[in-house]
Amino acid sequence: MKTLFVTDLDGTLLTKEERVSRYSNEIINRLIDDGMLFTYATARSAVSAEQALSGLNVNAPVVLYNGGLIYKFATKEVLRSVLFDDGLKSYVLSVLNDGGIHPFIFGAKDCSERVAWNAGSETEGMCRYLRRRQGDKRFSAASGREELLDFHAFNFKCVGPKEQIEAVWNVLKYDSRLICIFHQETYHNDYWLEISPREATKANAVAFLKDYLHCDKAVCFGDTSNDSDMFDVCDEKYAVMNADSWLKEKATGVVGYCEEDGVAKWLARYSGFCAGF
């Protein structure tokens, strides 16, 4: 039986330092070398995910922007993308701005990834996000609305206090054209709202990959709300110990904490690999 293993990153495979531990890296690479088909599904972009996973030799196409992009790193090939049309992109930005929120907009222009935001609007949460990514060539502060919308957009990301972010979520979540994921930041007290076109889901992306790779079975790992739909389509789904309690209830089982290599240890046991534990 050909099985595809798919993991979320933040809060699931990654540690609080936003990286894969040396132990997990070694174990998963050895399992991949032995033929395990392994990838990830994340809200991150290609650049951000690749930096966090330095040294991990993923051998299947990856799911980025919560399903907005399926990408083959080996060949630099886009297998599937889901973009905002111009009208919907403009509408979402207007709703966010009316709520006092200035988002990061993730997308592409001239075949290169781009992340834009309104110059001078940076909140504490936005500044923290930017500091962690100093020197990232994708980032571009826009001088106005026209420049902010002048590229293909996969995803809007908003960060701030719970009350402010939740108020806008309560407006946009009822729009049938959108997927809106509202959750607390994994490593801080701020809340995030991630907005994508309706078809851009981890569930759709994993289903696509399962078919594309001719797999009989898909097994996934996750920790929070943006993994919920992926759990719905996978044959087996495992929540890490630090996952939201309601996600654990949906899971086939619970693995160890992300800080304690829960995913890698489960994979090692599943594969009969002696990992020294």
Protein backbone atom coordinates (compact mmCIF):
# COMPACT_ATOMS: atom_id res chain seq x y z
CA MET A 1 0.00 0.00 0.00
CA LYS A 2 1.47 3.34 -1.08
CA THR A 3 1.10 5.89 1.73
CA LEU A 4 1.58 9.65 1.71
CA PHE A 5 2.58 11.22 5.06
CA VAL A 6 1.70 14.90 5.43
CA THR A 7 2.52 17.10 8.41
CA ASP A 8 1.65 20.61 9.45
CA LEU A 9 4.69 22.68 10.45
CA ASP A 10 4.21 25.29 13.21
CA GLY A 11 3.11 23.68 16.44
CA THR A 12 3.36 20.20 14.90
CA LEU A 13 6.74 19.38 13.35
CA LEU A 14 8.58 22.59 14.25
CA THR A 15 9.82 23.55 17.70
CA LYS A 16 9.12 26.93 19.31
CA GLU A 17 12.34 28.15 17.64
CA GLU A 18 10.52 27.62 14.31
CA ARG A 19 12.82 24.85 13.13
CA VAL A 20 12.98 21.08 12.91
CA SER A 21 15.02 19.57 15.71
CA ARG A 22 18.21 17.77 14.83
CA TYR A 23 16.68 14.51 16.04
CA SER A 24 13.52 14.84 13.88
CA ASN A 25 15.62 15.88 10.91
CA GLU A 26 17.82 12.82 11.17
CA ILE A 27 14.99 10.34 11.73
CA ILE A 28 12.73 11.65 8.95
CA ASN A 29 15.57 11.88 6.43
CA ARG A 30 16.53 8.28 7.13
CA LEU A 31 12.91 7.18 6.68
CA ILE A 32 12.70 9.12 3.41
CA ASP A 33 15.92 7.45 2.24
CA ASP A 34 14.22 4.12 3.00
CA GLY A 35 11.29 5.06 0.72
CA MET A 36 8.78 6.88 2.92
CA LEU A 37 6.78 9.45 0.93
CA PHE A 38 6.79 12.57 3.10
CA THR A 39 5.68 16.18 2.70
CA TYR A 40 4.08 19.05 4.57
CA ALA A 41 1.02 21.30 4.39
CA THR A 42 1.50 24.75 5.87
CA ALA A 43 0.26 28.33 5.89
CA ARG A 44 3.86 29.36 5.22
CA SER A 45 5.28 30.43 1.88
CA ALA A 46 7.93 28.48 -0.02
CA VAL A 47 10.78 30.65 1.28
CA SER A 48 9.62 30.60 4.89
CA ALA A 49 9.01 26.85 4.91
CA GLU A 50 12.35 26.07 3.27
CA GLN A 51 14.20 28.16 5.86
CA ALA A 52 12.45 26.44 8.75
CA LEU A 53 13.13 23.00 7.29
CA SER A 54 16.78 23.46 6.41
CA GLY A 55 18.33 20.02 6.03
CA LEU A 56 15.09 18.09 5.69
CA ASN A 57 14.94 16.28 2.34
CA VAL A 58 11.21 16.28 1.59
CA ASN A 59 10.58 14.01 -1.40
CA ALA A 60 7.05 14.98 -2.50
CA PRO A 61 5.40 18.22 -3.67
CA VAL A 62 4.60 20.58 -0.80
CA VAL A 63 1.41 22.41 0.16
CA LEU A 64 1.85 26.13 0.85
CA TYR A 65 -0.48 29.01 1.83
CA ASN A 66 -2.92 26.53 3.44
CA GLY A 67 -3.55 24.95 0.04
CA GLY A 68 -3.19 28.01 -2.16
CA LEU A 69 -0.10 26.59 -3.85
CA ILE A 70 1.24 23.09 -4.51
CA TYR A 71 4.88 23.26 -5.45
CA LYS A 72 7.68 20.90 -6.49
CA PHE A 73 10.94 22.22 -5.07
CA ALA A 74 13.02 19.79 -7.10
CA THR A 75 11.85 21.16 -10.46
CA LYS A 76 10.56 24.62 -9.38
CA GLU A 77 7.19 23.58 -10.83
CA VAL A 78 3.79 24.86 -9.69
CA LEU A 79 1.33 21.95 -9.80
CA ARG A 80 -1.73 23.86 -8.61
CA SER A 81 -2.51 27.41 -7.51
CA VAL A 82 -5.63 29.14 -6.23
CA LEU A 83 -5.63 32.94 -6.55
CA PHE A 84 -7.93 35.79 -5.55
CA ASP A 85 -9.67 37.46 -8.47
CA ASP A 86 -9.26 41.25 -8.56
CA GLY A 87 -12.73 42.02 -7.25
CA LEU A 88 -12.54 39.68 -4.28
CA LYS A 89 -9.02 40.81 -3.44
CA SER A 90 -10.14 44.45 -3.33
CA TYR A 91 -13.23 43.60 -1.26
CA VAL A 92 -11.25 41.71 1.39
CA LEU A 93 -8.76 44.54 1.74
CA SER A 94 -11.59 47.07 2.18
CA VAL A 95 -13.26 45.01 4.92
CA LEU A 96 -9.96 44.62 6.76
CA ASN A 97 -9.10 48.32 6.49
CA ASP A 98 -12.59 49.28 7.72
CA GLY A 99 -11.83 47.17 10.81
CA GLY A 100 -8.54 48.99 11.36
CA ILE A 101 -6.48 46.03 10.15
CA HIS A 102 -3.64 46.27 7.66
CA PRO A 103 -2.73 42.79 6.41
CA PHE A 104 0.24 41.12 4.88
CA ILE A 105 -0.70 40.01 1.37
CA PHE A 106 1.15 36.96 0.08
CA GLY A 107 1.39 36.28 -3.63
CA ALA A 108 3.55 36.41 -6.71
CA LYS A 109 4.64 38.91 -9.34
CA ASP A 110 6.82 38.23 -12.38
CA CYS A 111 7.23 34.58 -11.31
CA SER A 112 8.64 35.58 -7.90
CA GLU A 113 7.03 35.38 -4.47
CA ARG A 114 6.01 38.70 -2.95
CA VAL A 115 4.76 39.79 0.47
CA ALA A 116 3.34 43.31 0.66
CA TRP A 117 1.80 45.51 3.34
CA ASN A 118 0.89 49.16 3.69
CA ALA A 119 3.98 51.16 4.66
CA GLY A 120 3.60 52.92 8.00
CA SER A 121 0.80 50.66 9.22
CA GLU A 122 3.00 48.19 11.08
CA THR A 123 1.62 47.00 14.42
CA GLU A 124 3.66 45.35 17.16
CA GLY A 125 2.71 41.91 15.87
CA MET A 126 3.60 42.84 12.30
CA CYS A 127 6.96 44.25 13.39
CA ARG A 128 7.74 41.07 15.29
CA TYR A 129 6.89 39.04 12.20
CA LEU A 130 9.13 41.24 10.03
CA ARG A 131 12.03 41.14 12.49
CA ARG A 132 12.06 37.35 12.34
CA ARG A 133 12.45 37.61 8.57
CA GLN A 134 14.99 40.38 8.15
CA GLY A 135 16.64 40.33 4.76
CA ASP A 136 13.80 38.41 3.12
CA LYS A 137 13.74 39.64 -0.48
CA ARG A 138 10.03 38.87 -0.87
CA PHE A 139 9.00 41.67 1.46
CA SER A 140 7.89 44.98 -0.05
CA ALA A 141 6.24 47.86 1.81
CA ALA A 142 3.62 49.40 -0.51
CA SER A 143 3.03 53.14 -0.80
CA GLY A 144 -0.71 52.88 -1.41
CA ARG A 145 -3.69 50.68 -2.18
CA GLU A 146 -2.97 50.41 -5.91
CA GLU A 147 0.56 49.14 -5.33
CA LEU A 148 -0.65 46.86 -2.56
CA LEU A 149 -3.03 45.07 -4.93
CA ASP A 150 -0.80 45.03 -8.00
CA PHE A 151 0.15 41.33 -7.99
CA HIS A 152 -1.39 37.86 -7.85
CA ALA A 153 -2.51 37.10 -4.29
CA PHE A 154 -2.75 33.71 -2.60
CA ASN A 155 -3.47 34.72 0.95
CA PHE A 156 -4.11 37.58 3.40
CA LYS A 157 -2.59 37.30 6.87
CA CYS A 158 -3.64 39.59 9.71
CA VAL A 159 -2.13 39.68 13.18
CA GLY A 160 -3.25 41.61 16.26
CA PRO A 161 -5.29 41.57 19.48
CA LYS A 162 -8.02 38.96 19.71
CA GLU A 163 -10.96 41.39 19.84
CA GLN A 164 -9.92 43.29 16.72
CA ILE A 165 -9.08 40.23 14.65
CA GLU A 166 -12.17 38.33 15.80
CA ALA A 167 -14.48 41.23 14.86
CA VAL A 168 -13.34 41.11 11.22
CA TRP A 169 -13.41 37.33 11.19
CA ASN A 170 -17.06 37.48 12.22
CA VAL A 171 -17.75 39.51 9.06
CA LEU A 172 -15.72 37.57 6.51
CA LYS A 173 -16.34 34.01 7.71
CA TYR A 174 -19.88 34.06 6.29
CA ASP A 175 -18.69 34.89 2.76
CA SER A 176 -19.03 31.71 0.70
CA ARG A 177 -16.14 32.77 -1.54
CA LEU A 178 -13.61 32.66 1.31
CA ILE A 179 -11.89 30.39 3.79
CA CYS A 180 -11.15 32.30 7.02
CA ILE A 181 -8.99 30.68 9.70
CA PHE A 182 -8.87 32.43 13.07
CA HIS A 183 -6.41 31.17 15.67
CA GLN A 184 -3.99 32.24 18.36
CA GLU A 185 -0.38 32.62 17.30
CA THR A 186 1.57 29.48 18.16
CA TYR A 187 4.43 31.27 19.88
CA HIS A 188 2.85 34.53 21.17
CA ASN A 189 -0.39 35.99 22.54
CA ASP A 190 -1.54 37.69 19.33
CA TYR A 191 -4.23 36.22 17.10
CA TRP A 192 -4.03 35.57 13.37
CA LEU A 193 -6.66 35.65 10.66
CA GLU A 194 -5.69 33.88 7.44
CA ILE A 195 -7.96 34.49 4.44
CA SER A 196 -7.88 32.47 1.24
CA PRO A 197 -10.14 31.75 -1.73
CA ARG A 198 -12.66 28.99 -0.98
CA GLU A 199 -10.83 26.30 -2.98
CA ALA A 200 -7.51 26.93 -1.22
CA THR A 201 -7.67 24.36 1.56
CA LYS A 202 -5.27 21.79 2.91
CA ALA A 203 -8.00 19.20 2.32
CA ASN A 204 -8.21 19.93 -1.40
CA ALA A 205 -4.43 20.03 -1.70
CA VAL A 206 -3.88 16.71 0.08
CA ALA A 207 -6.62 15.07 -1.99
CA PHE A 208 -4.90 16.39 -5.12
CA LEU A 209 -1.51 15.03 -4.03
CA LYS A 210 -2.93 11.66 -3.06
CA ASP A 211 -4.31 11.29 -6.58
CA TYR A 212 -1.30 12.87 -8.31
CA LEU A 213 1.13 10.53 -6.55
CA HIS A 214 -1.17 7.49 -6.96
CA CYS A 215 -1.28 6.83 -3.23
CA ASP A 216 -3.68 4.39 -1.59
CA LYS A 217 -3.60 6.10 1.78
CA ALA A 218 -2.89 9.52 3.33
CA VAL A 219 -1.77 10.03 6.93
CA CYS A 220 -1.53 13.53 8.41
CA PHE A 221 -0.40 15.34 11.56
CA GLY A 222 -1.63 18.67 12.95
CA ASP A 223 -2.30 20.86 15.94
CA THR A 224 -4.94 23.51 15.30
CA SER A 225 -7.78 24.95 13.20
CA ASN A 226 -6.00 25.20 9.85
CA ASP A 227 -5.45 21.43 9.99
CA SER A 228 -9.08 20.51 10.63
CA ASP A 229 -10.19 20.14 7.01
CA MET A 230 -7.06 18.09 6.25
CA PHE A 231 -8.10 15.70 9.02
CA ASP A 232 -11.45 15.28 7.26
CA VAL A 233 -9.93 13.81 4.08
CA CYS A 234 -7.02 11.75 5.40
CA ASP A 235 -7.34 8.03 6.10
CA GLU A 236 -5.50 8.45 9.40
CA LYS A 237 -4.96 11.71 11.27
CA TYR A 238 -2.87 12.34 14.36
CA ALA A 239 -2.87 15.35 16.67
CA VAL A 240 0.25 16.29 18.60
CA MET A 241 -0.07 16.36 22.37
CA ASN A 242 -0.07 20.18 22.39
CA ALA A 243 -2.94 20.33 19.86
CA ASP A 244 -6.34 21.92 20.49
CA SER A 245 -8.54 19.53 22.46
CA TRP A 246 -11.32 19.52 19.85
CA LEU A 247 -8.82 18.50 17.14
CA LYS A 248 -7.67 15.60 19.30
CA GLU A 249 -11.28 14.41 19.34
CA LYS A 250 -11.24 14.25 15.51
CA ALA A 251 -7.94 12.39 15.43
CA THR A 252 -7.22 8.71 14.93
CA GLY A 253 -4.76 9.11 17.77
CA VAL A 254 -2.48 11.51 19.65
CA VAL A 255 1.32 11.61 19.26
CA GLY A 256 3.90 13.36 21.42
CA TYR A 257 4.51 17.09 21.83
CA CYS A 258 6.05 19.09 18.99
CA GLU A 259 8.87 20.05 21.36
CA GLU A 260 9.57 16.36 21.98
CA ASP A 261 9.72 15.13 18.36
CA GLY A 262 6.24 13.60 18.51
CA VAL A 263 5.79 13.27 14.75
CA ALA A 264 9.23 11.83 14.06
CA LYS A 265 8.96 9.30 16.89
CA TRP A 266 5.54 8.13 15.68
CA LEU A 267 6.87 7.74 12.13
CA ALA A 268 9.83 5.76 13.42
CA ARG A 269 7.58 3.41 15.38
CA TYR A 270 5.18 3.05 12.46
CA SER A 271 8.04 2.14 10.14
CA GLY A 272 9.66 -0.24 12.61
CA PHE A 273 12.73 1.95 12.71
CA CYS A 274 14.92 1.82 15.83
CA ALA A 275 15.25 5.50 16.82
CA GLY A 276 16.90 5.14 20.20
CA PHE A 277 13.88 5.73 22.43
